[in-house]
């Protein structure tokens, strides 16, 4: 497996990967599904293009041969690196791809001189929060509202985010 930066030509594949991993029936194969919490799509190609055009951000891809198996969005925000959209194909989850992407994210943060990595996770995602805690991320006590814009999904219940952080990376 190798990690590389996403390019504009990768947008359709990333779009399919992220939406299949988070929403819909196929997402239920894996343990990171949001299908029981949200309807609608997780991302669209226009949003992905905006992410790739952000000069403070990068999308890293995990690929084997010519197949993209996972991705993560990283954005430098002052002395912190924001980590979002960590995605692995549902049928390949629990094989270490996510851990490899997290390690690549920490390496990227160090290269940028960031002192910490921050992320937001939906508060009711206990299994996912526990995963990140095993990887050294701690809850900050900060919560944030879930976006009301349907382009992020349509909540099936009230949702909010918790902020997790890993320092001294």
N, C-alpha and C. Protein backbone atom coordinates (compact mmCIF):
# COMPACT_ATOMS: atom_id res chain seq x y z
N UNK A 1 0.84 -1.18 0.00
CA UNK A 1 0.00 0.00 0.00
C UNK A 1 0.88 1.23 0.00
N UNK A 2 0.48 2.21 -0.78
CA UNK A 2 1.22 3.45 -0.74
C UNK A 2 0.25 4.62 -0.59
N UNK A 3 0.77 5.68 0.02
CA UNK A 3 -0.01 6.88 0.29
C UNK A 3 0.46 7.97 -0.67
N UNK A 4 -0.51 8.65 -1.30
CA UNK A 4 -0.16 9.76 -2.18
C UNK A 4 -1.22 10.85 -2.08
N UNK A 5 -0.86 12.02 -2.58
CA UNK A 5 -1.79 13.15 -2.62
C UNK A 5 -2.80 12.96 -3.74
N UNK A 6 -4.03 13.31 -3.45
CA UNK A 6 -5.08 13.23 -4.47
C UNK A 6 -4.89 14.34 -5.49
N UNK A 7 -5.31 14.05 -6.70
CA UNK A 7 -5.30 15.02 -7.79
C UNK A 7 -6.73 15.18 -8.29
N UNK A 8 -6.94 16.20 -9.09
CA UNK A 8 -8.28 16.49 -9.60
C UNK A 8 -8.88 15.27 -10.32
N UNK A 9 -8.07 14.51 -11.03
CA UNK A 9 -8.57 13.34 -11.77
C UNK A 9 -9.13 12.26 -10.83
N UNK A 10 -8.78 12.31 -9.54
CA UNK A 10 -9.24 11.31 -8.57
C UNK A 10 -10.62 11.62 -7.99
N UNK A 11 -11.14 12.81 -8.26
CA UNK A 11 -12.38 13.25 -7.62
C UNK A 11 -13.54 12.25 -7.79
N UNK A 12 -13.84 11.75 -9.00
CA UNK A 12 -14.97 10.80 -9.10
C UNK A 12 -14.78 9.54 -8.25
N UNK A 13 -13.57 9.04 -8.17
CA UNK A 13 -13.32 7.83 -7.38
C UNK A 13 -13.45 8.12 -5.89
N UNK A 14 -12.92 9.27 -5.44
CA UNK A 14 -13.03 9.65 -4.03
C UNK A 14 -14.50 9.85 -3.66
N UNK A 15 -15.24 10.50 -4.53
CA UNK A 15 -16.67 10.74 -4.29
C UNK A 15 -17.41 9.41 -4.08
N UNK A 16 -17.18 8.47 -4.95
CA UNK A 16 -17.83 7.15 -4.84
C UNK A 16 -17.37 6.44 -3.56
N UNK A 17 -16.08 6.46 -3.28
CA UNK A 17 -15.53 5.81 -2.09
C UNK A 17 -16.18 6.35 -0.82
N UNK A 18 -16.18 7.67 -0.66
CA UNK A 18 -16.69 8.28 0.57
C UNK A 18 -18.19 8.04 0.73
N UNK A 19 -18.95 8.24 -0.32
CA UNK A 19 -20.40 8.03 -0.21
C UNK A 19 -20.75 6.58 0.05
N UNK A 20 -20.04 5.63 -0.56
CA UNK A 20 -20.30 4.21 -0.32
C UNK A 20 -19.89 3.79 1.08
N UNK A 21 -18.87 4.42 1.64
CA UNK A 21 -18.39 4.03 2.96
C UNK A 21 -19.25 4.59 4.09
N UNK A 22 -19.89 5.73 3.87
CA UNK A 22 -20.64 6.38 4.95
C UNK A 22 -22.15 6.23 4.86
N UNK A 23 -22.70 6.16 3.66
CA UNK A 23 -24.15 6.18 3.51
C UNK A 23 -24.61 5.03 2.60
N UNK A 24 -25.85 4.64 2.75
CA UNK A 24 -26.43 3.62 1.89
C UNK A 24 -26.17 2.21 2.40
N UNK A 25 -26.76 1.26 1.73
CA UNK A 25 -26.69 -0.15 2.14
C UNK A 25 -25.26 -0.70 2.15
N UNK A 26 -24.47 -0.36 1.14
CA UNK A 26 -23.11 -0.88 1.06
C UNK A 26 -22.28 -0.47 2.27
N UNK A 27 -22.56 0.71 2.84
CA UNK A 27 -21.79 1.19 3.99
C UNK A 27 -21.97 0.29 5.21
N UNK A 28 -23.09 -0.43 5.28
CA UNK A 28 -23.38 -1.26 6.45
C UNK A 28 -22.49 -2.50 6.53
N UNK A 29 -21.73 -2.77 5.47
CA UNK A 29 -20.76 -3.87 5.50
C UNK A 29 -19.66 -3.54 6.51
N UNK A 30 -19.29 -2.27 6.59
CA UNK A 30 -18.22 -1.82 7.48
C UNK A 30 -18.77 -1.35 8.82
N UNK A 31 -17.85 -0.94 9.69
CA UNK A 31 -18.26 -0.52 11.03
C UNK A 31 -18.32 1.01 11.17
N UNK A 32 -18.04 1.76 10.11
CA UNK A 32 -18.04 3.22 10.21
C UNK A 32 -19.24 3.86 9.53
N UNK A 33 -20.25 3.10 9.22
CA UNK A 33 -21.43 3.62 8.53
C UNK A 33 -22.14 4.71 9.32
N UNK A 34 -22.71 5.66 8.60
CA UNK A 34 -23.59 6.67 9.18
C UNK A 34 -25.02 6.49 8.66
N UNK A 35 -25.27 5.40 7.95
CA UNK A 35 -26.56 5.19 7.29
C UNK A 35 -27.74 5.18 8.26
N UNK A 36 -27.53 4.77 9.50
CA UNK A 36 -28.62 4.77 10.47
C UNK A 36 -28.86 6.14 11.07
N UNK A 37 -27.90 7.08 10.86
CA UNK A 37 -28.00 8.41 11.43
C UNK A 37 -28.40 9.48 10.42
N UNK A 38 -28.04 9.27 9.15
CA UNK A 38 -28.22 10.31 8.14
C UNK A 38 -28.68 9.74 6.81
N UNK A 39 -29.54 10.47 6.16
CA UNK A 39 -29.90 10.18 4.77
C UNK A 39 -29.12 11.15 3.89
N UNK A 40 -29.18 10.91 2.59
CA UNK A 40 -28.51 11.80 1.66
C UNK A 40 -27.06 11.39 1.44
N UNK A 41 -26.34 12.23 0.72
CA UNK A 41 -24.95 11.92 0.41
C UNK A 41 -24.02 12.50 1.47
N UNK A 42 -22.80 12.01 1.51
CA UNK A 42 -21.78 12.50 2.45
C UNK A 42 -20.96 13.63 1.84
N UNK A 43 -20.76 13.58 0.53
CA UNK A 43 -19.92 14.55 -0.16
C UNK A 43 -20.34 14.58 -1.62
N UNK A 44 -19.96 15.63 -2.34
CA UNK A 44 -20.20 15.67 -3.77
C UNK A 44 -18.92 16.12 -4.47
N UNK A 45 -18.90 15.99 -5.79
CA UNK A 45 -17.68 16.28 -6.54
C UNK A 45 -17.29 17.75 -6.44
N UNK A 46 -18.25 18.66 -6.40
CA UNK A 46 -17.94 20.08 -6.28
C UNK A 46 -17.24 20.38 -4.95
N UNK A 47 -17.72 19.77 -3.87
CA UNK A 47 -17.09 19.97 -2.55
C UNK A 47 -15.68 19.39 -2.54
N UNK A 48 -15.51 18.23 -3.17
CA UNK A 48 -14.17 17.64 -3.24
C UNK A 48 -13.22 18.53 -4.03
N UNK A 49 -13.70 19.12 -5.10
CA UNK A 49 -12.85 20.02 -5.88
C UNK A 49 -12.43 21.23 -5.04
N UNK A 50 -13.37 21.77 -4.25
CA UNK A 50 -13.04 22.87 -3.35
C UNK A 50 -11.96 22.45 -2.36
N UNK A 51 -12.09 21.26 -1.82
CA UNK A 51 -11.08 20.76 -0.87
C UNK A 51 -9.70 20.71 -1.52
N UNK A 52 -9.65 20.18 -2.73
CA UNK A 52 -8.37 20.05 -3.41
C UNK A 52 -7.78 21.40 -3.81
N UNK A 53 -8.61 22.41 -4.00
CA UNK A 53 -8.14 23.73 -4.38
C UNK A 53 -7.69 24.56 -3.18
N UNK A 54 -8.04 24.14 -1.97
CA UNK A 54 -7.66 24.86 -0.75
C UNK A 54 -6.14 24.77 -0.59
N UNK A 55 -5.42 25.90 -0.59
CA UNK A 55 -3.96 25.85 -0.49
C UNK A 55 -3.45 25.35 0.86
N UNK A 56 -4.31 25.32 1.87
CA UNK A 56 -3.92 24.83 3.20
C UNK A 56 -4.34 23.39 3.44
N UNK A 57 -4.79 22.73 2.39
CA UNK A 57 -5.34 21.38 2.59
C UNK A 57 -4.81 20.40 1.57
N UNK A 58 -4.99 19.13 1.92
CA UNK A 58 -4.60 18.03 1.05
C UNK A 58 -5.54 16.86 1.34
N UNK A 59 -5.79 16.07 0.32
CA UNK A 59 -6.47 14.78 0.51
C UNK A 59 -5.42 13.72 0.22
N UNK A 60 -5.18 12.86 1.20
CA UNK A 60 -4.25 11.75 1.00
C UNK A 60 -5.04 10.52 0.63
N UNK A 61 -4.48 9.72 -0.28
CA UNK A 61 -5.10 8.49 -0.74
C UNK A 61 -4.25 7.30 -0.35
N UNK A 62 -4.90 6.22 0.06
CA UNK A 62 -4.23 4.94 0.28
C UNK A 62 -4.61 4.07 -0.90
N UNK A 63 -3.59 3.60 -1.63
CA UNK A 63 -3.91 2.78 -2.79
C UNK A 63 -2.99 1.57 -2.88
N UNK A 64 -3.55 0.53 -3.47
CA UNK A 64 -2.80 -0.68 -3.76
C UNK A 64 -2.84 -0.84 -5.28
N UNK A 65 -1.71 -1.02 -5.87
CA UNK A 65 -1.61 -1.08 -7.34
C UNK A 65 -2.27 0.16 -7.91
N UNK A 66 -3.41 0.02 -8.53
CA UNK A 66 -4.09 1.19 -9.10
C UNK A 66 -5.46 1.43 -8.45
N UNK A 67 -5.75 0.76 -7.34
CA UNK A 67 -7.05 0.91 -6.68
C UNK A 67 -6.92 1.79 -5.45
N UNK A 68 -7.79 2.79 -5.35
CA UNK A 68 -7.85 3.64 -4.16
C UNK A 68 -8.71 2.92 -3.13
N UNK A 69 -8.12 2.68 -1.96
CA UNK A 69 -8.79 1.91 -0.91
C UNK A 69 -9.25 2.78 0.26
N UNK A 70 -8.69 4.01 0.37
CA UNK A 70 -9.04 4.90 1.47
C UNK A 70 -8.55 6.31 1.21
N UNK A 71 -9.03 7.24 2.05
CA UNK A 71 -8.61 8.63 1.92
C UNK A 71 -8.77 9.35 3.25
N UNK A 72 -8.15 10.52 3.33
CA UNK A 72 -8.31 11.39 4.49
C UNK A 72 -8.10 12.83 4.04
N UNK A 73 -8.88 13.74 4.60
CA UNK A 73 -8.76 15.17 4.32
C UNK A 73 -7.99 15.82 5.45
N UNK A 74 -6.98 16.62 5.12
CA UNK A 74 -6.16 17.30 6.11
C UNK A 74 -6.08 18.78 5.77
N UNK A 75 -6.33 19.63 6.77
CA UNK A 75 -6.27 21.07 6.55
C UNK A 75 -5.52 21.74 7.69
N UNK A 76 -4.48 22.49 7.35
CA UNK A 76 -3.74 23.22 8.37
C UNK A 76 -4.57 24.40 8.83
N UNK A 77 -4.75 24.50 10.15
CA UNK A 77 -5.48 25.60 10.77
C UNK A 77 -4.62 26.13 11.91
N UNK A 78 -3.86 27.17 11.63
CA UNK A 78 -2.90 27.73 12.58
C UNK A 78 -1.89 26.65 12.98
N UNK A 79 -1.77 26.34 14.30
CA UNK A 79 -0.78 25.35 14.74
C UNK A 79 -1.36 23.93 14.81
N UNK A 80 -2.57 23.75 14.27
CA UNK A 80 -3.22 22.44 14.30
C UNK A 80 -3.50 21.96 12.88
N UNK A 81 -3.59 20.66 12.76
CA UNK A 81 -4.01 20.05 11.50
C UNK A 81 -5.39 19.47 11.73
N UNK A 82 -6.38 19.92 10.96
CA UNK A 82 -7.73 19.35 11.04
C UNK A 82 -7.77 18.09 10.20
N UNK A 83 -8.27 17.02 10.77
CA UNK A 83 -8.39 15.73 10.08
C UNK A 83 -9.87 15.43 9.90
N UNK A 84 -10.27 15.14 8.68
CA UNK A 84 -11.66 14.81 8.41
C UNK A 84 -11.77 13.79 7.29
N UNK A 85 -12.95 13.25 7.15
CA UNK A 85 -13.28 12.36 6.03
C UNK A 85 -12.35 11.14 5.95
N UNK A 86 -11.89 10.64 7.10
CA UNK A 86 -11.08 9.42 7.08
C UNK A 86 -12.01 8.30 6.60
N UNK A 87 -11.65 7.70 5.49
CA UNK A 87 -12.53 6.75 4.81
C UNK A 87 -11.74 5.53 4.36
N UNK A 88 -12.32 4.36 4.57
CA UNK A 88 -11.78 3.10 4.05
C UNK A 88 -12.95 2.33 3.45
N UNK A 89 -12.71 1.69 2.31
CA UNK A 89 -13.77 0.86 1.71
C UNK A 89 -14.34 -0.06 2.78
N UNK A 90 -15.68 -0.15 2.88
CA UNK A 90 -16.30 -0.95 3.94
C UNK A 90 -15.79 -2.39 4.02
N UNK A 91 -15.59 -3.03 2.89
CA UNK A 91 -15.15 -4.43 2.91
C UNK A 91 -13.69 -4.60 3.31
N UNK A 92 -12.94 -3.49 3.41
CA UNK A 92 -11.53 -3.55 3.79
C UNK A 92 -11.25 -2.96 5.17
N UNK A 93 -12.31 -2.53 5.86
CA UNK A 93 -12.12 -1.96 7.19
C UNK A 93 -11.61 -3.02 8.15
N UNK A 94 -10.84 -2.58 9.13
CA UNK A 94 -10.21 -3.44 10.14
C UNK A 94 -8.97 -4.16 9.61
N UNK A 95 -8.43 -3.71 8.47
CA UNK A 95 -7.21 -4.30 7.92
C UNK A 95 -5.99 -3.40 8.08
N UNK A 96 -6.15 -2.27 8.78
CA UNK A 96 -5.02 -1.37 9.03
C UNK A 96 -4.89 -0.21 8.07
N UNK A 97 -5.77 -0.09 7.10
CA UNK A 97 -5.69 1.01 6.14
C UNK A 97 -5.94 2.34 6.84
N UNK A 98 -6.94 2.39 7.70
CA UNK A 98 -7.22 3.61 8.46
C UNK A 98 -6.05 3.99 9.34
N UNK A 99 -5.45 3.01 10.00
CA UNK A 99 -4.28 3.29 10.85
C UNK A 99 -3.12 3.83 10.02
N UNK A 100 -2.94 3.30 8.81
CA UNK A 100 -1.89 3.82 7.92
C UNK A 100 -2.18 5.26 7.51
N UNK A 101 -3.43 5.57 7.25
CA UNK A 101 -3.78 6.94 6.90
C UNK A 101 -3.60 7.88 8.09
N UNK A 102 -3.92 7.41 9.30
CA UNK A 102 -3.68 8.23 10.49
C UNK A 102 -2.19 8.49 10.67
N UNK A 103 -1.37 7.46 10.48
CA UNK A 103 0.09 7.63 10.59
C UNK A 103 0.60 8.62 9.55
N UNK A 104 0.10 8.53 8.33
CA UNK A 104 0.50 9.47 7.28
C UNK A 104 0.04 10.89 7.63
N UNK A 105 -1.12 11.00 8.27
CA UNK A 105 -1.62 12.31 8.69
C UNK A 105 -0.71 12.92 9.75
N UNK A 106 -0.27 12.12 10.69
CA UNK A 106 0.64 12.61 11.73
C UNK A 106 1.98 13.02 11.12
N UNK A 107 2.46 12.27 10.16
CA UNK A 107 3.70 12.63 9.48
C UNK A 107 3.54 13.96 8.75
N UNK A 108 2.40 14.13 8.09
CA UNK A 108 2.12 15.37 7.37
C UNK A 108 2.07 16.55 8.36
N UNK A 109 1.42 16.33 9.51
CA UNK A 109 1.33 17.39 10.53
C UNK A 109 2.72 17.81 11.00
N UNK A 110 3.59 16.84 11.24
CA UNK A 110 4.96 17.14 11.68
C UNK A 110 5.70 17.94 10.61
N UNK A 111 5.53 17.55 9.35
CA UNK A 111 6.20 18.26 8.25
C UNK A 111 5.75 19.72 8.18
N UNK A 112 4.51 19.98 8.56
CA UNK A 112 3.98 21.35 8.54
C UNK A 112 4.30 22.12 9.82
N UNK A 113 4.85 21.43 10.82
CA UNK A 113 5.14 22.08 12.09
C UNK A 113 3.93 22.21 13.00
N UNK A 114 2.89 21.44 12.74
CA UNK A 114 1.69 21.48 13.58
C UNK A 114 1.97 20.80 14.92
N UNK A 115 1.39 21.33 15.97
CA UNK A 115 1.58 20.78 17.32
C UNK A 115 0.51 19.77 17.71
N UNK A 116 -0.59 19.76 16.96
CA UNK A 116 -1.68 18.84 17.29
C UNK A 116 -2.55 18.58 16.08
N UNK A 117 -3.33 17.51 16.18
CA UNK A 117 -4.33 17.17 15.18
C UNK A 117 -5.69 17.24 15.86
N UNK A 118 -6.65 17.88 15.18
CA UNK A 118 -8.01 17.99 15.71
C UNK A 118 -8.97 17.35 14.72
N UNK A 119 -10.07 16.86 15.24
CA UNK A 119 -11.13 16.30 14.40
C UNK A 119 -12.46 16.44 15.11
N UNK A 120 -13.53 16.30 14.34
CA UNK A 120 -14.86 16.26 14.92
C UNK A 120 -15.49 14.91 14.56
N UNK A 121 -16.21 14.35 15.53
CA UNK A 121 -16.90 13.08 15.35
C UNK A 121 -18.31 13.24 15.90
N UNK A 122 -19.28 12.69 15.21
CA UNK A 122 -20.66 12.73 15.71
C UNK A 122 -20.70 12.05 17.08
N UNK A 123 -21.29 12.74 18.06
CA UNK A 123 -21.21 12.30 19.46
C UNK A 123 -21.77 10.90 19.71
N UNK A 124 -22.74 10.47 18.93
CA UNK A 124 -23.33 9.15 19.17
C UNK A 124 -22.52 8.02 18.53
N UNK A 125 -21.41 8.33 17.90
CA UNK A 125 -20.56 7.32 17.25
C UNK A 125 -19.56 6.76 18.26
N UNK A 126 -20.04 6.10 19.30
CA UNK A 126 -19.21 5.62 20.40
C UNK A 126 -18.06 4.72 19.95
N UNK A 127 -18.34 3.80 19.03
CA UNK A 127 -17.30 2.88 18.56
C UNK A 127 -16.19 3.63 17.84
N UNK A 128 -16.56 4.62 17.04
CA UNK A 128 -15.57 5.41 16.32
C UNK A 128 -14.75 6.28 17.28
N UNK A 129 -15.42 6.89 18.24
CA UNK A 129 -14.71 7.70 19.25
C UNK A 129 -13.73 6.82 20.00
N UNK A 130 -14.15 5.61 20.39
CA UNK A 130 -13.26 4.69 21.10
C UNK A 130 -12.05 4.32 20.24
N UNK A 131 -12.25 4.13 18.94
CA UNK A 131 -11.15 3.83 18.02
C UNK A 131 -10.11 4.95 18.07
N UNK A 132 -10.58 6.19 17.92
CA UNK A 132 -9.65 7.32 17.93
C UNK A 132 -8.96 7.46 19.29
N UNK A 133 -9.68 7.18 20.36
CA UNK A 133 -9.05 7.25 21.69
C UNK A 133 -7.94 6.22 21.82
N UNK A 134 -8.14 5.03 21.27
CA UNK A 134 -7.07 4.02 21.28
C UNK A 134 -5.86 4.49 20.48
N UNK A 135 -6.08 5.39 19.53
CA UNK A 135 -4.99 5.93 18.70
C UNK A 135 -4.38 7.18 19.32
N UNK A 136 -4.79 7.53 20.54
CA UNK A 136 -4.17 8.65 21.26
C UNK A 136 -4.94 9.97 21.23
N UNK A 137 -6.12 9.99 20.62
CA UNK A 137 -6.92 11.20 20.57
C UNK A 137 -7.75 11.31 21.85
N UNK A 138 -7.89 12.52 22.36
CA UNK A 138 -8.63 12.76 23.59
C UNK A 138 -9.78 13.72 23.33
N UNK A 139 -10.86 13.53 24.08
CA UNK A 139 -11.97 14.46 23.97
C UNK A 139 -11.56 15.79 24.61
N UNK A 140 -11.99 16.88 24.02
CA UNK A 140 -11.63 18.21 24.52
C UNK A 140 -12.73 18.81 25.39
N UNK A 141 -13.91 18.20 25.37
CA UNK A 141 -15.06 18.77 26.07
C UNK A 141 -15.84 19.73 25.19
N UNK A 142 -15.28 20.08 24.04
CA UNK A 142 -15.94 21.00 23.11
C UNK A 142 -16.90 20.23 22.21
N UNK A 143 -18.07 20.79 21.99
CA UNK A 143 -19.02 20.23 21.03
C UNK A 143 -19.33 21.30 20.00
N UNK A 144 -19.78 20.85 18.85
CA UNK A 144 -20.17 21.76 17.76
C UNK A 144 -21.47 21.25 17.17
N UNK A 145 -22.30 22.16 16.67
CA UNK A 145 -23.57 21.73 16.07
C UNK A 145 -23.34 21.01 14.74
N UNK A 146 -24.21 20.08 14.43
CA UNK A 146 -24.17 19.42 13.13
C UNK A 146 -24.71 20.40 12.10
N UNK A 147 -24.10 20.49 10.90
CA UNK A 147 -24.57 21.45 9.90
C UNK A 147 -26.02 21.21 9.50
N UNK A 148 -26.72 22.29 9.26
CA UNK A 148 -28.12 22.18 8.84
C UNK A 148 -28.25 22.13 7.32
N UNK A 149 -27.17 22.35 6.62
CA UNK A 149 -27.18 22.29 5.15
C UNK A 149 -27.33 20.84 4.71
N UNK A 150 -28.38 20.51 3.92
CA UNK A 150 -28.60 19.12 3.51
C UNK A 150 -27.47 18.53 2.68
N UNK A 151 -26.53 19.36 2.19
CA UNK A 151 -25.43 18.79 1.42
C UNK A 151 -24.50 17.95 2.30
N UNK A 152 -24.64 18.05 3.63
CA UNK A 152 -23.87 17.23 4.56
C UNK A 152 -24.64 16.00 4.99
N UNK A 153 -25.89 15.91 4.58
CA UNK A 153 -26.74 14.80 4.97
C UNK A 153 -27.97 15.30 5.71
N UNK A 154 -28.95 14.45 5.78
CA UNK A 154 -30.22 14.79 6.44
C UNK A 154 -30.32 13.93 7.70
N UNK A 155 -30.14 14.55 8.87
CA UNK A 155 -30.16 13.78 10.12
C UNK A 155 -31.50 13.09 10.37
N UNK A 156 -31.42 11.86 10.87
CA UNK A 156 -32.61 11.10 11.25
C UNK A 156 -32.94 11.32 12.73
N UNK A 157 -32.04 12.01 13.44
CA UNK A 157 -32.19 12.33 14.86
C UNK A 157 -31.33 13.57 15.11
N UNK A 158 -31.53 14.25 16.23
CA UNK A 158 -30.65 15.39 16.53
C UNK A 158 -29.19 14.92 16.67
N UNK A 159 -28.28 15.65 16.02
CA UNK A 159 -26.86 15.27 16.03
C UNK A 159 -25.99 16.47 16.38
N UNK A 160 -24.86 16.19 16.98
CA UNK A 160 -23.83 17.19 17.20
C UNK A 160 -22.47 16.51 17.14
N UNK A 161 -21.43 17.32 17.04
CA UNK A 161 -20.06 16.81 16.99
C UNK A 161 -19.38 16.99 18.34
N UNK A 162 -18.44 16.10 18.62
CA UNK A 162 -17.50 16.27 19.71
C UNK A 162 -16.14 16.50 19.07
N UNK A 163 -15.32 17.33 19.70
CA UNK A 163 -13.99 17.62 19.19
C UNK A 163 -12.98 16.71 19.89
N UNK A 164 -12.17 16.02 19.09
CA UNK A 164 -11.08 15.17 19.60
C UNK A 164 -9.77 15.81 19.16
N UNK A 165 -8.73 15.58 19.95
CA UNK A 165 -7.44 16.21 19.69
C UNK A 165 -6.31 15.28 20.12
N UNK A 166 -5.24 15.31 19.36
CA UNK A 166 -4.02 14.60 19.73
C UNK A 166 -2.89 15.60 19.70
N UNK A 167 -2.21 15.75 20.83
CA UNK A 167 -1.11 16.71 20.94
C UNK A 167 0.22 15.98 20.87
N UNK A 168 1.27 16.76 20.73
CA UNK A 168 2.63 16.24 20.72
C UNK A 168 2.82 15.10 19.74
N UNK A 169 2.40 15.34 18.52
CA UNK A 169 2.47 14.30 17.50
C UNK A 169 3.87 14.13 16.96
